[in-house]
Each structure stands twice: as C-alpha cells, then as structure tokens.
Amino acid sequence: MPQSQTNTPPRTQAFTATAVVITTEMLERAARLVPDSPHMSWTGPSGEESTGEAVARHLEATVDLLATNGWDRIWTPPTPAQLAEADAAATTETMLRQLLDYIREEERSASGRLTAGDALNRVARTADGDPDTGRIAGDVLDLVVVALTGHPSARFGYWSERLNRTFADITALLTAGALFARTYGPAPERAA
C-alpha cells in the first residue's frame, strides 16, 4: 500500500502519562513495523483507502468522547436485575418486543462511561469516523502498542484493559495514534 510521509514530528515532542511515555522515536519505531505488519493497511473493509487525517480525526474524537462520557478500564455487563425475567406465558412476539425495548433503552442510556474499544466503535457511527477509519485506527493503536512494549503480538485492546492502566495512559496512546496517522498515513489527494 502506498504511504506518504506528510511531515516528520519534532524530536522534542513527547506525550507523557502515568505509566506511558510516547516519544517521536517510538512513533518512528512503529512506522518501521508497518511493512512487516500483517494487519496494518490504510485500506478499510470497504475497499477504499482512508487518509491519515481521517484516522487521526477518529482517534481525537475518541479522546473527546471518553473525556465527555468517562472511561472504564473494562466493560461491566448489566446485572440480571436490569433485565426482567420473561413471563413463561408470554408469546414470542411479546418477549421479542421486551428485548428490543431493553436494547433501545440500553442504547439511549449508553452515554455513560465507555471502554477505549467501545469509544472507538461508537465514533465509527458519527460524523468523525466510519467503520473503515475505526478499523484502521485500531490497527494503528496496535502498532503503537507493539512499538511501545517491544512485544510483536501486543494489542491495544488487551493493553488498555490492564489493571494498572489509567485514563491518562489511554489518552496518551490515542493522541500518539493520531500523530502517527497524520505523520505516516496517506495524505489527501490534492485537487488539480
């Protein structure tokens, strides 16, 4: 896949967090991993290429969403008391309606705290992203985590749910992913 370097980030730039330090050198290390990465492609499931800018906007919108809604390290399923037991005499149609009502209510109340992965997925359904930029953003974050940890099979989802992870760690990595995408992702085609 063709990639264009839009600019080189300044050497003095670093993002720090409680347990995470993101440096320009680490982002350069991530860029060197791209050719050997089986998953990193700027072309999404639609078959169309996304620009580094579009992926960066997706990641920044994820930071904003987490800052607005709050962040949870892991997803906590609803307690059984939140979904009433189905009446044994209820028809299939009645049970299906109750289930759909429950799902709609969960979706409406989903403005609560989110995991990083949930926030990435939610942004894919907004004006700041789409399923392609969401998938590519996830791949970028995986690459940044590999460069950060030095472990070739490290993945952002698992990294983000570690017991010691903080909101500052998550935002630092999302911000680093946005910088990586802008710096190393495809540039928009220029109008003639």
C-alpha atoms as a PDB file:
ATOM      1  CA  MET A   1       0.000   0.000   0.000  1.00  0.00           C
ATOM      2  CA  PRO A   2       1.397   3.406  -0.867  1.00  0.00           C
ATOM      3  CA  GLN A   3       2.090   5.603   2.092  1.00  0.00           C
ATOM      4  CA  SER A   4       3.260   9.159   2.151  1.00  0.00           C
ATOM      5  CA  GLN A   5       5.128  10.881   4.882  1.00  0.00           C
ATOM      6  CA  THR A   6       3.421  14.217   5.362  1.00  0.00           C
ATOM      7  CA  ASN A   7       5.999  15.562   7.788  1.00  0.00           C
ATOM      8  CA  THR A   8       8.387  14.431  10.439  1.00  0.00           C
ATOM      9  CA  PRO A   9       7.325  15.228  14.002  1.00  0.00           C
ATOM     10  CA  PRO A  10       9.754  17.336  16.028  1.00  0.00           C
ATOM     11  CA  ARG A  11      12.255  15.290  18.019  1.00  0.00           C
ATOM     12  CA  THR A  12      11.403  17.077  21.254  1.00  0.00           C
ATOM     13  CA  GLN A  13       7.714  16.176  21.210  1.00  0.00           C
ATOM     14  CA  ALA A  14       6.646  13.581  23.789  1.00  0.00           C
ATOM     15  CA  PHE A  15       3.367  12.599  25.386  1.00  0.00           C
ATOM     16  CA  THR A  16       3.611  11.516  28.981  1.00  0.00           C
ATOM     17  CA  ALA A  17       1.177   9.752  31.234  1.00  0.00           C
ATOM     18  CA  THR A  18       1.318   7.843  34.475  1.00  0.00           C
ATOM     19  CA  ALA A  19       2.836   4.683  33.013  1.00  0.00           C
ATOM     20  CA  VAL A  20       3.290   5.628  29.373  1.00  0.00           C
ATOM     21  CA  VAL A  21       5.827   7.835  27.638  1.00  0.00           C
ATOM     22  CA  ILE A  22       5.308   8.280  23.922  1.00  0.00           C
ATOM     23  CA  THR A  23       8.276   9.729  22.065  1.00  0.00           C
ATOM     24  CA  THR A  24       8.939  10.611  18.453  1.00  0.00           C
ATOM     25  CA  GLU A  25      11.498   7.805  18.345  1.00  0.00           C
ATOM     26  CA  MET A  26       8.833   5.320  19.459  1.00  0.00           C
ATOM     27  CA  LEU A  27       6.498   6.536  16.685  1.00  0.00           C
ATOM     28  CA  GLU A  28       9.347   6.141  14.187  1.00  0.00           C
ATOM     29  CA  ARG A  29       9.809   2.586  15.516  1.00  0.00           C
ATOM     30  CA  ALA A  30       6.093   1.981  14.858  1.00  0.00           C
ATOM     31  CA  ALA A  31       6.496   3.293  11.294  1.00  0.00           C
ATOM     32  CA  ARG A  32       9.321   0.813  10.690  1.00  0.00           C
ATOM     33  CA  LEU A  33       6.968  -2.013  11.766  1.00  0.00           C
ATOM     34  CA  VAL A  34       4.372  -1.228   9.069  1.00  0.00           C
ATOM     35  CA  PRO A  35       5.943  -3.244   6.203  1.00  0.00           C
ATOM     36  CA  ASP A  36       6.052  -6.413   8.344  1.00  0.00           C
ATOM     37  CA  SER A  37       2.631  -5.947   9.931  1.00  0.00           C
ATOM     38  CA  PRO A  38       0.065  -8.407   8.572  1.00  0.00           C
ATOM     39  CA  HIS A  39      -2.825  -6.162   9.617  1.00  0.00           C
ATOM     40  CA  MET A  40      -1.696  -2.577   9.023  1.00  0.00           C
ATOM     41  CA  SER A  41      -3.276  -1.184   5.892  1.00  0.00           C
ATOM     42  CA  TRP A  42      -4.769   2.210   5.203  1.00  0.00           C
ATOM     43  CA  THR A  43      -7.483   0.479   3.153  1.00  0.00           C
ATOM     44  CA  GLY A  44     -10.510  -0.498   5.187  1.00  0.00           C
ATOM     45  CA  PRO A  45     -13.104  -3.236   4.746  1.00  0.00           C
ATOM     46  CA  SER A  46     -14.960  -1.044   2.213  1.00  0.00           C
ATOM     47  CA  GLY A  47     -12.006  -1.446  -0.147  1.00  0.00           C
ATOM     48  CA  GLU A  48     -11.292   2.277  -0.035  1.00  0.00           C
ATOM     49  CA  GLU A  49      -8.210   3.981   1.355  1.00  0.00           C
ATOM     50  CA  SER A  50      -8.555   6.333   4.320  1.00  0.00           C
ATOM     51  CA  THR A  51      -6.237   9.275   4.781  1.00  0.00           C
ATOM     52  CA  GLY A  52      -4.043   9.648   7.818  1.00  0.00           C
ATOM     53  CA  GLU A  53      -6.024  12.800   8.629  1.00  0.00           C
ATOM     54  CA  ALA A  54      -9.347  10.896   8.668  1.00  0.00           C
ATOM     55  CA  VAL A  55      -7.919   8.250  11.003  1.00  0.00           C
ATOM     56  CA  ALA A  56      -6.402  10.948  13.236  1.00  0.00           C
ATOM     57  CA  ARG A  57      -9.802  12.700  13.480  1.00  0.00           C
ATOM     58  CA  HIS A  58     -11.367   9.381  14.500  1.00  0.00           C
ATOM     59  CA  LEU A  59      -8.790   8.932  17.272  1.00  0.00           C
ATOM     60  CA  GLU A  60      -9.145  12.511  18.511  1.00  0.00           C
ATOM     61  CA  ALA A  61     -12.934  12.174  18.567  1.00  0.00           C
ATOM     62  CA  THR A  62     -12.434   9.035  20.661  1.00  0.00           C
ATOM     63  CA  VAL A  63     -10.416  11.040  23.197  1.00  0.00           C
ATOM     64  CA  ASP A  64     -13.167  13.683  23.265  1.00  0.00           C
ATOM     65  CA  LEU A  65     -15.896  11.066  23.720  1.00  0.00           C
ATOM     66  CA  LEU A  66     -14.037   9.436  26.608  1.00  0.00           C
ATOM     67  CA  ALA A  67     -13.416  12.831  28.196  1.00  0.00           C
ATOM     68  CA  THR A  68     -17.129  13.639  27.929  1.00  0.00           C
ATOM     69  CA  ASN A  69     -18.609  10.286  28.938  1.00  0.00           C
ATOM     70  CA  GLY A  70     -15.918   8.963  31.230  1.00  0.00           C
ATOM     71  CA  TRP A  71     -13.645   5.976  30.817  1.00  0.00           C
ATOM     72  CA  ASP A  72     -13.895   2.477  32.233  1.00  0.00           C
ATOM     73  CA  ARG A  73     -10.995   0.067  32.036  1.00  0.00           C
ATOM     74  CA  ILE A  74     -13.292  -2.884  31.305  1.00  0.00           C
ATOM     75  CA  TRP A  75     -16.885  -3.332  30.237  1.00  0.00           C
ATOM     76  CA  THR A  76     -19.211  -4.361  33.002  1.00  0.00           C
ATOM     77  CA  PRO A  77     -22.255  -6.313  31.857  1.00  0.00           C
ATOM     78  CA  PRO A  78     -25.677  -5.262  33.128  1.00  0.00           C
ATOM     79  CA  THR A  79     -26.801  -7.035  36.258  1.00  0.00           C
ATOM     80  CA  PRO A  80     -29.548  -9.633  35.813  1.00  0.00           C
ATOM     81  CA  ALA A  81     -31.934  -7.419  37.781  1.00  0.00           C
ATOM     82  CA  GLN A  82     -31.846  -4.849  34.961  1.00  0.00           C
ATOM     83  CA  LEU A  83     -33.474  -7.252  32.507  1.00  0.00           C
ATOM     84  CA  ALA A  84     -36.650  -8.692  33.939  1.00  0.00           C
ATOM     85  CA  GLU A  85     -37.313 -12.416  33.739  1.00  0.00           C
ATOM     86  CA  ALA A  86     -39.511 -13.368  30.804  1.00  0.00           C
ATOM     87  CA  ASP A  87     -43.034 -14.466  31.664  1.00  0.00           C
ATOM     88  CA  ALA A  88     -43.357 -18.160  30.772  1.00  0.00           C
ATOM     89  CA  ALA A  89     -46.826 -17.482  29.337  1.00  0.00           C
ATOM     90  CA  ALA A  90     -45.615 -14.610  27.130  1.00  0.00           C
ATOM     91  CA  THR A  91     -45.691 -15.063  23.390  1.00  0.00           C
ATOM     92  CA  THR A  92     -42.531 -14.997  21.358  1.00  0.00           C
ATOM     93  CA  GLU A  93     -43.641 -11.640  19.933  1.00  0.00           C
ATOM     94  CA  THR A  94     -44.080 -10.169  23.442  1.00  0.00           C
ATOM     95  CA  MET A  95     -40.672 -11.429  24.573  1.00  0.00           C
ATOM     96  CA  LEU A  96     -39.040 -10.084  21.416  1.00  0.00           C
ATOM     97  CA  ARG A  97     -40.670  -6.672  21.959  1.00  0.00           C
ATOM     98  CA  GLN A  98     -39.435  -6.629  25.577  1.00  0.00           C
ATOM     99  CA  LEU A  99     -35.937  -7.498  24.447  1.00  0.00           C
ATOM    100  CA  LEU A 100     -35.939  -4.809  21.756  1.00  0.00           C
ATOM    101  CA  ASP A 101     -37.253  -2.253  24.266  1.00  0.00           C
ATOM    102  CA  TYR A 102     -34.455  -3.236  26.640  1.00  0.00           C
ATOM    103  CA  ILE A 103     -31.818  -2.882  23.904  1.00  0.00           C
ATOM    104  CA  ARG A 104     -33.186   0.526  22.874  1.00  0.00           C
ATOM    105  CA  GLU A 105     -33.132   1.687  26.499  1.00  0.00           C
ATOM    106  CA  GLU A 106     -29.546   0.456  26.895  1.00  0.00           C
ATOM    107  CA  GLU A 107     -28.575   2.346  23.732  1.00  0.00           C
ATOM    108  CA  ARG A 108     -30.253   5.538  24.990  1.00  0.00           C
ATOM    109  CA  SER A 109     -28.543   5.258  28.350  1.00  0.00           C
ATOM    110  CA  ALA A 110     -25.229   4.353  26.738  1.00  0.00           C
ATOM    111  CA  SER A 111     -23.968   7.873  27.279  1.00  0.00           C
ATOM    112  CA  GLY A 112     -22.274   6.503  30.390  1.00  0.00           C
ATOM    113  CA  ARG A 113     -18.662   5.512  30.865  1.00  0.00           C
ATOM    114  CA  LEU A 114     -17.015   3.661  27.981  1.00  0.00           C
ATOM    115  CA  THR A 115     -14.027   1.446  27.413  1.00  0.00           C
ATOM    116  CA  ALA A 116     -11.498   2.662  24.845  1.00  0.00           C
ATOM    117  CA  GLY A 117     -12.675  -0.005  22.395  1.00  0.00           C
ATOM    118  CA  ASP A 118     -16.337   0.934  22.847  1.00  0.00           C
ATOM    119  CA  ALA A 119     -15.490   4.592  22.279  1.00  0.00           C
ATOM    120  CA  LEU A 120     -13.578   3.755  19.067  1.00  0.00           C
ATOM    121  CA  ASN A 121     -16.586   1.793  17.821  1.00  0.00           C
ATOM    122  CA  ARG A 122     -19.057   4.495  18.794  1.00  0.00           C
ATOM    123  CA  VAL A 123     -17.093   7.175  16.900  1.00  0.00           C
ATOM    124  CA  ALA A 124     -17.370   4.964  13.791  1.00  0.00           C
ATOM    125  CA  ARG A 125     -21.089   5.807  13.806  1.00  0.00           C
ATOM    126  CA  THR A 126     -20.598   9.588  13.905  1.00  0.00           C
ATOM    127  CA  ALA A 127     -19.547  12.371  11.567  1.00  0.00           C
ATOM    128  CA  ASP A 128     -15.972  11.996  12.905  1.00  0.00           C
ATOM    129  CA  GLY A 129     -15.454   8.453  11.671  1.00  0.00           C
ATOM    130  CA  ASP A 130     -16.771   5.423   9.860  1.00  0.00           C
ATOM    131  CA  PRO A 131     -16.193   1.663  10.065  1.00  0.00           C
ATOM    132  CA  ASP A 132     -13.065   1.952   7.888  1.00  0.00           C
ATOM    133  CA  THR A 133     -11.391   4.667   9.980  1.00  0.00           C
ATOM    134  CA  GLY A 134     -12.380   2.747  13.114  1.00  0.00           C
ATOM    135  CA  ARG A 135     -10.735  -0.469  11.934  1.00  0.00           C
ATOM    136  CA  ILE A 136      -7.633   1.371  10.720  1.00  0.00           C
ATOM    137  CA  ALA A 137      -7.443   3.354  13.984  1.00  0.00           C
ATOM    138  CA  GLY A 138      -7.444   0.044  15.858  1.00  0.00           C
ATOM    139  CA  ASP A 139      -4.610  -1.226  13.666  1.00  0.00           C
ATOM    140  CA  VAL A 140      -2.637   1.994  14.251  1.00  0.00           C
ATOM    141  CA  LEU A 141      -3.109   1.624  18.014  1.00  0.00           C
ATOM    142  CA  ASP A 142      -1.954  -1.998  17.861  1.00  0.00           C
ATOM    143  CA  LEU A 143       1.172  -0.875  16.010  1.00  0.00           C
ATOM    144  CA  VAL A 144       1.872   1.876  18.553  1.00  0.00           C
ATOM    145  CA  VAL A 145       1.466  -0.620  21.427  1.00  0.00           C
ATOM    146  CA  VAL A 146       3.894  -3.029  19.734  1.00  0.00           C
ATOM    147  CA  ALA A 147       6.406  -0.188  19.384  1.00  0.00           C
ATOM    148  CA  LEU A 148       5.801   0.872  22.988  1.00  0.00           C
ATOM    149  CA  THR A 149       6.119  -2.592  24.543  1.00  0.00           C
ATOM    150  CA  GLY A 150       8.531  -4.207  22.099  1.00  0.00           C
ATOM    151  CA  HIS A 151       6.311  -7.300  22.028  1.00  0.00           C
ATOM    152  CA  PRO A 152       5.294  -8.325  18.481  1.00  0.00           C
ATOM    153  CA  SER A 153       1.868  -9.698  19.425  1.00  0.00           C
ATOM    154  CA  ALA A 154       0.808  -6.882  21.783  1.00  0.00           C
ATOM    155  CA  ARG A 155      -2.649  -5.476  21.057  1.00  0.00           C
ATOM    156  CA  PHE A 156      -4.288  -2.217  22.112  1.00  0.00           C
ATOM    157  CA  GLY A 157      -7.474  -3.826  23.447  1.00  0.00           C
ATOM    158  CA  TYR A 158      -5.595  -6.030  25.892  1.00  0.00           C
ATOM    159  CA  TRP A 159      -3.128  -3.270  26.725  1.00  0.00           C
ATOM    160  CA  SER A 160      -5.965  -0.830  27.508  1.00  0.00           C
ATOM    161  CA  GLU A 161      -7.573  -3.253  29.980  1.00  0.00           C
ATOM    162  CA  ARG A 162      -4.521  -3.946  32.133  1.00  0.00           C
ATOM    163  CA  LEU A 163      -5.128  -3.449  35.864  1.00  0.00           C
ATOM    164  CA  ASN A 164      -2.660  -0.577  36.121  1.00  0.00           C
ATOM    165  CA  ARG A 165      -3.999   1.323  33.087  1.00  0.00           C
ATOM    166  CA  THR A 166      -5.136   4.922  33.658  1.00  0.00           C
ATOM    167  CA  PHE A 167      -7.192   7.382  31.657  1.00  0.00           C
ATOM    168  CA  ALA A 168      -4.002   9.385  31.106  1.00  0.00           C
ATOM    169  CA  ASP A 169      -2.374   6.276  29.580  1.00  0.00           C
ATOM    170  CA  ILE A 170      -5.332   5.781  27.247  1.00  0.00           C
ATOM    171  CA  THR A 171      -5.446   9.396  26.088  1.00  0.00           C
ATOM    172  CA  ALA A 172      -1.667   9.455  25.588  1.00  0.00           C
ATOM    173  CA  LEU A 173      -1.845   6.392  23.359  1.00  0.00           C
ATOM    174  CA  LEU A 174      -4.872   7.669  21.398  1.00  0.00           C
ATOM    175  CA  THR A 175      -3.106  11.013  20.904  1.00  0.00           C
ATOM    176  CA  ALA A 176       0.065   9.228  19.792  1.00  0.00           C
ATOM    177  CA  GLY A 177      -2.020   7.175  17.350  1.00  0.00           C
ATOM    178  CA  ALA A 178      -3.479  10.381  15.901  1.00  0.00           C
ATOM    179  CA  LEU A 179       0.005  11.854  15.486  1.00  0.00           C
ATOM    180  CA  PHE A 180       1.210   8.626  13.871  1.00  0.00           C
ATOM    181  CA  ALA A 181      -1.722   8.631  11.433  1.00  0.00           C
ATOM    182  CA  ARG A 182      -1.164  12.263  10.437  1.00  0.00           C
ATOM    183  CA  THR A 183       2.570  11.770  10.038  1.00  0.00           C
ATOM    184  CA  TYR A 184       2.731   8.377   8.337  1.00  0.00           C
ATOM    185  CA  GLY A 185      -0.730   7.885   6.815  1.00  0.00           C
ATOM    186  CA  PRO A 186      -1.731   8.682   3.262  1.00  0.00           C
ATOM    187  CA  ALA A 187      -2.160  12.359   2.514  1.00  0.00           C
ATOM    188  CA  PRO A 188      -5.379  13.524   0.862  1.00  0.00           C
ATOM    189  CA  GLU A 189      -5.151  13.809  -2.909  1.00  0.00           C
ATOM    190  CA  ARG A 190      -4.708  17.399  -3.950  1.00  0.00           C
ATOM    191  CA  ALA A 191      -7.228  18.934  -6.312  1.00  0.00           C
ATOM    192  CA  ALA A 192      -5.715  19.982  -9.643  1.00  0.00           C
END
